[in-house]
Amino acid sequence: METTLAAVKVAPRTAEIQEIDVPDIDYNSALMRVEAAGMCGSYGYFTREGGGRSPVPGMNAHENAGVIVKAGQGFLDRHGVEEGELVALEEYLPCGHCEWCRIGEFRHCWLTDTHNNPNPSRLDGGFRQYLYLPPNVVLHKVPQTMTADEAALALPVGNGVQWAVREGEAAPGKTVVVQGPGSKGLGATLAAKKAGATVIVTGLSKDGARLEAARRLGADHTVDVQTNDFVETIMDITSGRGADAVVDCTTGRIPVIFNQAIEVLVRRGGIVVTQAYELESFSLELLTGKYGQLRACRGHSYASVAMGLEMIASGDYPLKEMVTHNFPLELTGEACLASGGEGDGADAVWVMVNPNMAA
């Protein structure tokens, strides 16, 4: 059995490099050299105590892109790829035959349901040099003109398509508010603007670099909610009408943010799209008084990721230069902290770990 080097969280805010086993590659599996691993909530996972989505020991990172270096013929035939090709991965390991899998909604397969299934299947994290790909991995071929860093943005941009467009119904003539300019928030900004909506992005004072990135991706307005009243500013920008959709791309755990999202909705038919995991309270009366809708979002469909990749490949957006920080595997801990604005990350936009980059 072969081995690979991986960054493992051994305690909150502490990672170490370990040598771990890689399963043998058979007719239906493959080995991928990880070229880029993006940050999706990695700051929170890395800094929190163990348990739930932050196990100790553990390896996160599911925004991964890499090169197929070894594969069985069955794997190549099934996925339509060749050795040496760059691919972008989704995080799901679905059953492949349920009603949801048959329509490309792998996030709703019972095997992938991290909210309800006590033992969901998971693809191993990408903070490692080589990643084993089982037969049921979900992957996307990417244009060979695309860099690995760009390919690793497939999920945040795909999430943006799913949340802002498919769930939030962004379209010409509509106003979409994106709360939080992190990885998913920037993806939602790009997708909503591509759909023709007027886009307002909100963030904190420390998010200056990311709010500037949102403007470069097409946001019509950005708002620092620590120096401006959120509700008053949104209503002023929209001349009192309010927003057709508010996409919550914050941590999803703060009641005041959620209630404010409802407050700025249009009078009838407005949509709040949320990924909230835990919320102590919110005003249902406020939502019904607005005749509003609450839509849950978790992950993405295959089609949304494919559309996200098309947007990245178009070259119409300055995404490559928005990968502001690259770290080798040995500095994975520092990368996670930088993604949360610590250490070298005060001006971070998108942060990548490149496991095969020389330290």
Protein backbone atom coordinates (compact mmCIF):
# COMPACT_ATOMS: atom_id res chain seq x y z
CA MET A 1 0.00 0.00 0.00
CA GLU A 2 1.27 3.45 -0.94
CA THR A 3 1.32 6.45 1.38
CA THR A 4 0.95 10.21 1.05
CA LEU A 5 1.64 13.24 3.19
CA ALA A 6 -1.38 15.01 4.66
CA ALA A 7 -2.09 17.93 6.97
CA VAL A 8 -4.14 16.70 9.92
CA LYS A 9 -5.90 18.82 12.53
CA VAL A 10 -4.74 17.35 15.85
CA ALA A 11 -6.17 20.07 18.11
CA PRO A 12 -7.97 23.39 17.65
CA ARG A 13 -5.67 25.74 15.71
CA THR A 14 -3.02 23.02 15.38
CA ALA A 15 -2.16 20.91 12.32
CA GLU A 16 0.68 18.51 11.73
CA ILE A 17 1.97 16.68 8.68
CA GLN A 18 1.37 12.94 8.84
CA GLU A 19 2.04 10.05 6.50
CA ILE A 20 -1.18 8.20 5.76
CA ASP A 21 -2.07 5.17 3.70
CA VAL A 22 -3.55 5.40 0.21
CA PRO A 23 -5.78 2.48 -0.87
CA ASP A 24 -4.60 0.41 -3.82
CA ILE A 25 -5.97 1.53 -7.17
CA ASP A 26 -8.16 -1.10 -8.83
CA TYR A 27 -10.19 -1.28 -12.05
CA ASN A 28 -12.83 1.19 -10.79
CA SER A 29 -10.80 3.71 -8.77
CA ALA A 30 -8.17 6.38 -9.33
CA LEU A 31 -5.44 8.43 -7.69
CA MET A 32 -5.42 12.22 -8.00
CA ARG A 33 -2.46 14.49 -7.34
CA VAL A 34 -4.00 17.40 -5.44
CA GLU A 35 -2.96 20.66 -7.06
CA ALA A 36 -5.25 23.07 -5.20
CA ALA A 37 -7.45 22.82 -2.11
CA GLY A 38 -9.68 25.77 -1.35
CA MET A 39 -11.10 27.03 1.91
CA CYS A 40 -14.77 26.39 2.67
CA GLY A 41 -15.37 27.27 6.28
CA SER A 42 -11.87 26.01 7.01
CA TYR A 43 -11.22 28.79 9.52
CA GLY A 44 -14.17 27.70 11.64
CA TYR A 45 -13.40 23.99 11.31
CA PHE A 46 -9.77 24.57 12.21
CA THR A 47 -10.31 26.80 15.22
CA ARG A 48 -13.28 25.07 16.87
CA GLU A 49 -13.12 22.23 19.36
CA GLY A 50 -13.53 18.71 17.97
CA GLY A 51 -16.87 17.12 17.22
CA GLY A 52 -19.52 17.28 14.53
CA ARG A 53 -18.06 18.99 11.47
CA SER A 54 -14.77 19.65 13.27
CA PRO A 55 -13.44 16.20 14.23
CA VAL A 56 -10.07 15.73 15.90
CA PRO A 57 -8.06 14.28 14.32
CA GLY A 58 -9.46 15.34 10.99
CA MET A 59 -8.82 16.67 7.50
CA ASN A 60 -11.17 19.14 5.89
CA ALA A 61 -11.03 20.71 2.41
CA HIS A 62 -13.55 19.69 -0.19
CA GLU A 63 -12.95 22.41 -2.79
CA ASN A 64 -10.33 20.39 -4.62
CA ALA A 65 -8.77 20.21 -8.06
CA GLY A 66 -6.02 17.96 -9.28
CA VAL A 67 -4.59 15.70 -11.95
CA ILE A 68 -5.54 12.06 -12.46
CA VAL A 69 -2.19 10.29 -12.22
CA LYS A 70 -3.32 6.67 -12.05
CA ALA A 71 -6.67 5.07 -12.80
CA GLY A 72 -8.31 1.78 -13.60
CA GLN A 73 -9.94 1.44 -17.00
CA GLY A 74 -13.38 1.13 -15.43
CA PHE A 75 -12.93 4.49 -13.71
CA LEU A 76 -11.75 6.16 -16.93
CA ASP A 77 -14.69 4.78 -18.89
CA ARG A 78 -17.25 5.67 -16.23
CA HIS A 79 -16.13 9.27 -15.83
CA GLY A 80 -14.93 9.97 -19.37
CA VAL A 81 -11.47 11.12 -18.30
CA GLU A 82 -7.89 10.20 -19.10
CA GLU A 83 -4.78 10.01 -16.98
CA GLY A 84 -3.05 13.39 -16.92
CA GLU A 85 -6.27 15.42 -17.07
CA LEU A 86 -7.14 18.16 -14.60
CA VAL A 87 -10.46 17.69 -12.82
CA ALA A 88 -12.51 19.50 -10.19
CA LEU A 89 -14.19 17.46 -7.47
CA GLU A 90 -17.47 17.73 -5.66
CA GLU A 91 -17.59 16.59 -2.05
CA TYR A 92 -20.25 13.91 -2.48
CA LEU A 93 -20.01 10.12 -2.60
CA PRO A 94 -23.58 9.28 -3.64
CA CYS A 95 -25.33 5.96 -4.16
CA GLY A 96 -25.86 6.76 -7.84
CA HIS A 97 -29.27 5.13 -8.22
CA CYS A 98 -31.81 6.91 -5.97
CA GLU A 99 -34.32 9.44 -7.35
CA TRP A 100 -32.04 12.33 -6.40
CA CYS A 101 -28.88 10.90 -7.92
CA ARG A 102 -30.71 10.25 -11.17
CA ILE A 103 -31.30 13.99 -11.60
CA GLY A 104 -27.85 15.13 -10.49
CA GLU A 105 -28.95 16.25 -7.01
CA PHE A 106 -26.32 14.26 -5.16
CA ARG A 107 -26.62 16.50 -2.09
CA HIS A 108 -30.05 14.99 -1.38
CA CYS A 109 -28.91 11.36 -1.58
CA TRP A 110 -29.23 9.68 1.82
CA LEU A 111 -25.61 8.59 1.67
CA THR A 112 -24.41 12.20 1.43
CA ASP A 113 -26.85 13.74 3.92
CA THR A 114 -24.59 15.11 6.66
CA HIS A 115 -27.56 16.71 8.43
CA ASN A 116 -29.72 13.62 8.90
CA ASN A 117 -27.64 10.52 8.19
CA PRO A 118 -25.58 9.63 11.30
CA ASN A 119 -22.96 7.94 9.14
CA PRO A 120 -22.80 9.76 5.80
CA SER A 121 -20.27 8.91 3.13
CA ARG A 122 -17.60 11.56 2.65
CA LEU A 123 -14.78 12.11 0.21
CA ASP A 124 -11.50 12.48 2.09
CA GLY A 125 -10.26 16.05 2.55
CA GLY A 126 -7.84 17.56 0.06
CA PHE A 127 -5.15 18.77 2.44
CA ARG A 128 -2.89 15.99 1.18
CA GLN A 129 -0.58 15.41 -1.75
CA TYR A 130 -2.51 12.51 -3.26
CA LEU A 131 -6.20 11.69 -2.93
CA TYR A 132 -7.87 8.32 -3.53
CA LEU A 133 -10.94 8.58 -5.76
CA PRO A 134 -13.51 5.79 -5.30
CA PRO A 135 -15.79 4.71 -8.16
CA ASN A 136 -18.69 6.93 -7.06
CA VAL A 137 -16.73 10.17 -6.80
CA VAL A 138 -18.40 13.17 -8.47
CA LEU A 139 -16.00 15.05 -10.73
CA HIS A 140 -15.94 17.56 -13.55
CA LYS A 141 -13.50 17.71 -16.42
CA VAL A 142 -12.15 21.23 -16.80
CA PRO A 143 -10.63 22.98 -19.81
CA GLN A 144 -6.91 22.37 -19.89
CA THR A 145 -6.41 26.12 -20.23
CA MET A 146 -7.77 26.54 -16.70
CA THR A 147 -5.38 26.63 -13.76
CA ALA A 148 -5.83 24.34 -10.77
CA ASP A 149 -6.54 27.34 -8.53
CA GLU A 150 -9.34 28.42 -10.86
CA ALA A 151 -10.72 24.87 -11.02
CA ALA A 152 -10.82 24.74 -7.22
CA LEU A 153 -13.26 27.68 -7.32
CA ALA A 154 -15.85 25.44 -9.00
CA LEU A 155 -17.74 24.78 -5.77
CA PRO A 156 -17.96 28.33 -4.37
CA VAL A 157 -19.05 29.64 -7.77
CA GLY A 158 -21.36 26.64 -8.24
CA ASN A 159 -22.87 27.30 -4.83
CA GLY A 160 -23.40 30.89 -5.92
CA VAL A 161 -25.35 29.71 -8.96
CA GLN A 162 -27.42 27.37 -6.80
CA TRP A 163 -28.16 29.81 -4.00
CA ALA A 164 -28.49 33.17 -5.74
CA VAL A 165 -29.99 32.08 -9.06
CA ARG A 166 -31.77 28.75 -8.65
CA GLU A 167 -33.01 29.39 -5.11
CA GLY A 168 -32.89 33.21 -4.92
CA GLU A 169 -34.27 33.64 -8.45
CA ALA A 170 -31.84 36.40 -9.40
CA ALA A 171 -32.85 37.92 -12.73
CA PRO A 172 -32.96 41.24 -14.58
CA GLY A 173 -35.02 43.82 -12.71
CA LYS A 174 -34.49 42.14 -9.34
CA THR A 175 -32.34 43.20 -6.41
CA VAL A 176 -30.29 40.60 -4.54
CA VAL A 177 -28.54 41.25 -1.23
CA VAL A 178 -25.60 38.98 -0.43
CA GLN A 179 -24.77 38.93 3.28
CA GLY A 180 -21.09 38.12 3.75
CA PRO A 181 -18.29 38.49 1.15
CA GLY A 182 -16.52 35.23 1.90
CA SER A 183 -15.95 32.39 -0.53
CA LYS A 184 -19.63 31.59 -1.04
CA GLY A 185 -20.67 35.22 -0.91
CA LEU A 186 -18.35 36.13 -3.76
CA GLY A 187 -19.65 33.16 -5.73
CA ALA A 188 -23.22 34.35 -5.15
CA THR A 189 -22.23 37.88 -6.18
CA LEU A 190 -20.78 36.69 -9.46
CA ALA A 191 -23.76 34.43 -10.22
CA ALA A 192 -26.43 36.99 -9.33
CA LYS A 193 -24.78 39.65 -11.48
CA LYS A 194 -24.38 37.21 -14.37
CA ALA A 195 -28.14 36.59 -14.10
CA GLY A 196 -28.75 40.32 -14.55
CA ALA A 197 -29.75 41.34 -11.03
CA THR A 198 -28.76 44.45 -9.11
CA VAL A 199 -26.41 43.15 -6.41
CA ILE A 200 -25.71 44.57 -2.95
CA VAL A 201 -23.01 42.89 -0.85
CA THR A 202 -22.65 43.49 2.88
CA GLY A 203 -19.75 42.76 5.20
CA LEU A 204 -17.75 43.89 8.20
CA SER A 205 -15.05 46.54 8.42
CA LYS A 206 -12.38 43.83 8.32
CA ASP A 207 -13.76 42.61 4.98
CA GLY A 208 -12.41 45.55 2.99
CA ALA A 209 -10.42 43.45 0.51
CA ARG A 210 -13.34 41.09 -0.06
CA LEU A 211 -15.84 43.91 -0.50
CA GLU A 212 -13.50 45.39 -3.11
CA ALA A 213 -13.38 41.96 -4.76
CA ALA A 214 -17.18 41.90 -4.78
CA ARG A 215 -17.21 45.22 -6.62
CA ARG A 216 -14.77 43.87 -9.18
CA LEU A 217 -17.04 40.86 -9.68
CA GLY A 218 -19.94 43.16 -10.48
CA ALA A 219 -21.57 44.18 -7.19
CA ASP A 220 -23.45 47.44 -7.69
CA HIS A 221 -23.15 48.42 -4.03
CA THR A 222 -21.14 47.24 -1.03
CA VAL A 223 -22.04 48.07 2.56
CA ASP A 224 -19.95 47.97 5.73
CA VAL A 225 -22.61 47.06 8.29
CA GLN A 226 -20.41 48.14 11.19
CA THR A 227 -20.41 51.74 10.02
CA ASN A 228 -23.82 51.76 8.31
CA ASP A 229 -27.23 50.60 9.49
CA PHE A 230 -28.03 47.49 7.44
CA VAL A 231 -31.79 47.91 7.13
CA GLU A 232 -31.71 51.67 6.60
CA THR A 233 -28.98 51.43 3.95
CA ILE A 234 -30.63 48.65 1.95
CA MET A 235 -33.98 50.43 1.98
CA ASP A 236 -32.28 53.67 0.93
CA ILE A 237 -30.46 52.00 -1.98
CA THR A 238 -33.70 50.39 -3.17
CA SER A 239 -35.74 53.62 -2.73
CA GLY A 240 -37.81 51.96 -0.02
CA ARG A 241 -38.83 48.93 -2.09
CA GLY A 242 -36.53 46.37 -0.50
CA ALA A 243 -34.74 43.33 -1.89
CA ASP A 244 -36.27 40.53 -3.93
CA ALA A 245 -33.85 38.08 -2.34
CA VAL A 246 -31.35 38.03 0.50
CA VAL A 247 -28.72 35.30 0.36
CA ASP A 248 -27.20 34.65 3.79
CA CYS A 249 -23.57 33.70 3.26
CA THR A 250 -22.52 34.46 6.83
CA THR A 251 -21.95 31.78 9.46
CA GLY A 252 -25.72 31.40 9.61
CA ARG A 253 -25.88 31.42 13.39
CA ILE A 254 -26.74 35.02 14.30
CA PRO A 255 -30.46 35.81 14.82
CA VAL A 256 -30.12 39.57 14.26
CA ILE A 257 -28.61 39.02 10.79
CA PHE A 258 -31.43 36.66 9.88
CA ASN A 259 -34.17 38.98 11.13
CA GLN A 260 -32.61 41.93 9.31
CA ALA A 261 -32.66 39.89 6.11
CA ILE A 262 -36.41 39.50 6.51
CA GLU A 263 -36.85 43.20 7.30
CA VAL A 264 -35.38 44.32 3.98
CA LEU A 265 -37.46 42.00 1.79
CA VAL A 266 -39.94 43.42 -0.69
CA ARG A 267 -43.52 43.53 0.51
CA ARG A 268 -44.60 40.30 -1.17
CA GLY A 269 -42.72 37.34 -2.62
CA GLY A 270 -39.27 38.14 -1.25
CA ILE A 271 -36.94 35.23 -0.58
CA VAL A 272 -34.42 34.64 2.19
CA VAL A 273 -31.95 31.92 1.25
CA THR A 274 -30.14 30.56 4.28
CA GLN A 275 -27.65 27.88 5.24
CA ALA A 276 -28.24 28.34 9.00
CA TYR A 277 -27.22 25.31 11.04
CA GLU A 278 -28.34 26.63 14.42
CA LEU A 279 -30.52 29.65 15.08
CA GLU A 280 -31.87 30.41 18.53
CA SER A 281 -34.80 32.46 17.31
CA PHE A 282 -36.20 34.45 14.44
CA SER A 283 -39.43 36.36 13.87
CA LEU A 284 -41.86 34.17 11.98
CA GLU A 285 -44.39 36.99 12.33
CA LEU A 286 -41.98 39.30 10.52
CA LEU A 287 -41.65 36.78 7.68
CA THR A 288 -45.39 36.21 7.32
CA GLY A 289 -46.02 39.95 7.59
CA LYS A 290 -43.79 40.40 4.56
CA TYR A 291 -45.50 37.51 2.74
CA GLY A 292 -41.94 36.27 2.38
CA GLN A 293 -40.38 32.91 1.66
CA LEU A 294 -37.64 31.06 3.51
CA ARG A 295 -35.55 28.67 1.42
CA ALA A 296 -32.90 26.37 2.80
CA CYS A 297 -29.71 25.88 0.86
CA ARG A 298 -27.15 23.14 1.30
CA GLY A 299 -24.58 22.43 -1.33
CA HIS A 300 -25.32 22.39 -5.02
CA SER A 301 -26.60 20.38 -7.93
CA TYR A 302 -24.25 18.94 -10.55
CA ALA A 303 -25.67 21.38 -13.09
CA SER A 304 -24.89 24.40 -10.89
CA VAL A 305 -21.24 23.38 -10.57
CA ALA A 306 -21.03 22.79 -14.32
CA MET A 307 -22.44 26.26 -14.91
CA GLY A 308 -19.98 27.70 -12.41
CA LEU A 309 -17.10 26.12 -14.28
CA GLU A 310 -18.37 27.60 -17.54
CA MET A 311 -18.37 31.04 -15.93
CA ILE A 312 -14.82 30.57 -14.64
CA ALA A 313 -13.62 29.26 -18.01
CA SER A 314 -15.10 32.23 -19.86
CA GLY A 315 -12.30 34.48 -18.63
CA ASP A 316 -14.81 37.28 -18.12
CA TYR A 317 -14.02 37.62 -14.43
CA PRO A 318 -10.72 38.42 -12.65
CA LEU A 319 -10.87 35.24 -10.58
CA LYS A 320 -7.26 34.17 -11.04
CA GLU A 321 -5.92 37.31 -9.40
CA MET A 322 -8.44 37.01 -6.57
CA VAL A 323 -6.61 33.94 -5.31
CA THR A 324 -4.51 36.19 -3.11
CA HIS A 325 -2.77 33.63 -0.90
CA ASN A 326 -1.15 30.29 -1.75
CA PHE A 327 0.34 28.01 0.90
CA PRO A 328 2.28 24.73 0.70
CA LEU A 329 0.98 21.67 2.56
CA GLU A 330 3.35 22.30 5.46
CA LEU A 331 1.61 25.62 6.16
CA THR A 332 -1.98 24.38 6.03
CA GLY A 333 -2.65 25.64 9.55
CA GLU A 334 -1.47 29.11 8.60
CA ALA A 335 -3.65 28.94 5.49
CA CYS A 336 -6.75 28.15 7.53
CA LEU A 337 -6.04 31.07 9.85
CA ALA A 338 -5.37 33.39 6.91
CA SER A 339 -8.77 32.52 5.44
CA GLY A 340 -10.28 33.96 8.62
CA GLY A 341 -8.22 37.14 8.43
CA GLU A 342 -5.55 36.14 10.93
CA GLY A 343 -1.79 36.21 10.44
CA ASP A 344 -1.00 37.00 6.83
CA GLY A 345 -4.68 37.05 5.89
CA ALA A 346 -5.77 40.62 6.63
CA ASP A 347 -6.22 41.26 2.90
CA ALA A 348 -7.09 37.69 1.90
CA VAL A 349 -9.80 37.09 -0.70
CA TRP A 350 -9.49 33.47 -1.79
CA VAL A 351 -6.90 31.27 -0.07
CA MET A 352 -5.50 28.03 -1.50
CA VAL A 353 -3.36 25.21 -0.21
CA ASN A 354 -1.22 23.76 -2.99
CA PRO A 355 -0.10 20.43 -1.46
CA ASN A 356 2.60 19.74 -4.02
CA MET A 357 4.08 23.24 -3.96
CA ALA A 358 7.58 23.46 -2.51
CA ALA A 359 7.65 24.95 0.97
